Amino acid sequence: MRMSLPLLVAGALMLSTGVAQAKTDPEARIAKMIEGRTAGAPVNCIQQHQINSTQVIDRTAIVYKMNNGTIYVNRPDSGAKFLNRSDVLVTDTHSPQLCNIDIVRLVDSGTRMPNGSVGLGQFVPYPRPPRSAVR
């Protein structure tokens, strides 16, 4: 019984390390969000009124979830190092679209202090996978 306890502890430790790594690894977080989806052709703009939610992936990307279920991943052309999931995104656009030429300011949600800005890149769509035919 004593021999199996260290094995159980080691197994639990390895499992928790994998879970923690998935939570902290930005690429793993994005992969989990788009799991089962196929990337479409990148687009320059998305309609702001269609955005359902936005999620910042630390130092990597901004993920836009749309009303129709499509997920757009935007990897900023500049300033990605400033991205922090606790930041508030502030956009000042003069059209109903959010485009790859727009600048997004980042504001710390706790202190309300400016925290940098990013220049958006192209938006890569990951549409919801088609439903399987039920027979």
Protein backbone atom coordinates (compact mmCIF):
# COMPACT_ATOMS: atom_id res chain seq x y z
CA MET A 1 0.00 0.00 0.00
CA ARG A 2 2.90 2.36 0.73
CA MET A 3 4.34 1.80 -2.73
CA SER A 4 1.10 2.82 -4.47
CA LEU A 5 0.70 6.05 -2.49
CA PRO A 6 3.83 7.67 -4.01
CA LEU A 7 2.66 6.60 -7.44
CA LEU A 8 -0.75 8.17 -6.85
CA VAL A 9 0.83 11.39 -5.62
CA ALA A 10 3.17 11.52 -8.63
CA GLY A 11 0.28 10.88 -11.01
CA ALA A 12 -1.85 13.58 -9.41
CA LEU A 13 1.07 16.00 -9.54
CA MET A 14 1.64 15.35 -13.25
CA LEU A 15 -2.07 15.75 -13.99
CA SER A 16 -2.33 19.03 -12.10
CA THR A 17 0.81 20.33 -13.82
CA GLY A 18 -0.75 19.61 -17.22
CA VAL A 19 -3.96 21.41 -16.25
CA ALA A 20 -2.04 24.39 -14.87
CA GLN A 21 0.08 24.56 -18.02
CA ALA A 22 -3.05 24.58 -20.22
CA LYS A 23 -4.41 27.48 -18.18
CA THR A 24 -1.21 29.52 -18.47
CA ASP A 25 0.02 28.59 -21.97
CA PRO A 26 -1.60 31.10 -24.36
CA GLU A 27 -1.44 28.81 -27.38
CA ALA A 28 -3.03 25.96 -25.41
CA ARG A 29 -5.86 28.30 -24.34
CA ILE A 30 -6.52 29.32 -27.94
CA ALA A 31 -6.37 25.71 -29.13
CA LYS A 32 -8.96 24.73 -26.52
CA MET A 33 -11.30 27.55 -27.63
CA ILE A 34 -11.16 26.58 -31.32
CA GLU A 35 -11.06 22.82 -30.80
CA GLY A 36 -13.04 21.04 -33.53
CA ARG A 37 -13.13 24.12 -35.76
CA THR A 38 -11.32 24.83 -39.01
CA ALA A 39 -9.76 28.20 -39.78
CA GLY A 40 -11.30 30.20 -42.59
CA ALA A 41 -9.64 32.83 -44.75
CA PRO A 42 -8.50 35.85 -42.69
CA VAL A 43 -10.61 38.99 -43.01
CA ASN A 44 -9.75 42.64 -42.44
CA CYS A 45 -12.89 43.64 -40.51
CA ILE A 46 -15.70 42.26 -38.35
CA GLN A 47 -19.07 43.85 -37.52
CA GLN A 48 -19.01 45.31 -34.01
CA HIS A 49 -22.72 44.74 -33.38
CA GLN A 50 -22.18 41.00 -33.98
CA ILE A 51 -19.58 40.66 -31.20
CA ASN A 52 -21.02 38.68 -28.30
CA SER A 53 -17.92 38.58 -26.08
CA THR A 54 -14.21 39.32 -26.13
CA GLN A 55 -11.40 37.52 -24.38
CA VAL A 56 -7.78 38.63 -24.07
CA ILE A 57 -5.16 35.90 -24.25
CA ASP A 58 -2.08 37.17 -22.39
CA ARG A 59 0.66 38.53 -24.63
CA THR A 60 -0.79 36.71 -27.66
CA ALA A 61 -4.24 37.47 -29.06
CA ILE A 62 -7.75 38.82 -28.69
CA VAL A 63 -10.57 36.33 -29.24
CA TYR A 64 -13.92 37.65 -30.44
CA LYS A 65 -16.95 35.37 -30.06
CA MET A 66 -19.72 36.35 -32.44
CA ASN A 67 -23.50 36.03 -32.14
CA ASN A 68 -23.56 33.39 -34.90
CA GLY A 69 -21.06 31.16 -33.03
CA THR A 70 -18.02 32.03 -35.13
CA ILE A 71 -14.84 32.73 -33.19
CA TYR A 72 -12.35 35.24 -34.59
CA VAL A 73 -8.76 35.17 -33.37
CA ASN A 74 -6.86 38.42 -33.80
CA ARG A 75 -3.11 38.34 -33.30
CA PRO A 76 -2.15 42.01 -33.15
CA ASP A 77 0.45 43.24 -35.64
CA SER A 78 1.98 45.37 -32.89
CA GLY A 79 1.79 45.64 -29.11
CA ALA A 80 0.75 42.05 -28.31
CA LYS A 81 3.24 42.06 -25.43
CA PHE A 82 0.91 44.50 -23.63
CA LEU A 83 -2.11 42.15 -23.70
CA ASN A 84 -3.23 41.11 -20.24
CA ARG A 85 -6.47 39.26 -19.51
CA SER A 86 -7.33 41.69 -16.70
CA ASP A 87 -7.26 44.67 -19.07
CA VAL A 88 -10.29 46.43 -20.47
CA LEU A 89 -10.22 46.95 -24.25
CA VAL A 90 -11.08 50.48 -25.38
CA THR A 91 -11.77 50.98 -29.08
CA ASP A 92 -12.51 54.25 -30.82
CA THR A 93 -13.78 53.46 -34.28
CA HIS A 94 -15.71 55.67 -36.65
CA SER A 95 -17.57 52.90 -38.42
CA PRO A 96 -19.70 49.91 -37.44
CA GLN A 97 -16.72 47.66 -38.11
CA LEU A 98 -13.63 46.75 -36.15
CA CYS A 99 -10.75 46.50 -38.62
CA ASN A 100 -7.12 45.49 -38.80
CA ILE A 101 -6.12 49.16 -39.10
CA ASP A 102 -7.71 50.02 -35.73
CA ILE A 103 -5.79 50.66 -32.53
CA VAL A 104 -7.14 49.22 -29.28
CA ARG A 105 -6.12 50.91 -26.04
CA LEU A 106 -5.67 48.76 -22.96
CA VAL A 107 -6.76 49.97 -19.52
CA ASP A 108 -6.01 48.16 -16.27
CA SER A 109 -9.35 47.05 -14.84
CA GLY A 110 -8.26 47.67 -11.24
CA THR A 111 -6.41 50.98 -11.38
CA ARG A 112 -8.09 52.37 -14.52
CA MET A 113 -4.62 53.40 -15.73
CA PRO A 114 -3.59 53.08 -19.39
CA ASN A 115 -1.65 49.87 -19.94
CA GLY A 116 -0.54 50.18 -23.57
CA SER A 117 -2.17 49.67 -26.92
CA VAL A 118 -2.23 47.16 -29.76
CA GLY A 119 -2.52 47.52 -33.51
CA LEU A 120 -4.96 44.86 -34.63
CA GLY A 121 -4.00 42.27 -37.21
CA GLN A 122 -6.29 40.29 -39.49
CA PHE A 123 -9.19 38.39 -37.98
CA VAL A 124 -9.01 34.62 -38.52
CA PRO A 125 -12.51 33.07 -38.44
CA TYR A 126 -13.22 29.70 -36.89
CA PRO A 127 -16.86 28.96 -37.75
CA ARG A 128 -18.96 26.63 -35.65
CA PRO A 129 -18.60 23.10 -37.07
CA PRO A 130 -21.60 21.84 -39.00
CA ARG A 131 -23.93 19.59 -37.08
CA SER A 132 -23.77 15.93 -37.98
CA ALA A 133 -26.77 14.54 -39.80
CA VAL A 134 -28.91 12.66 -37.31
CA ARG A 135 -30.45 9.50 -38.70
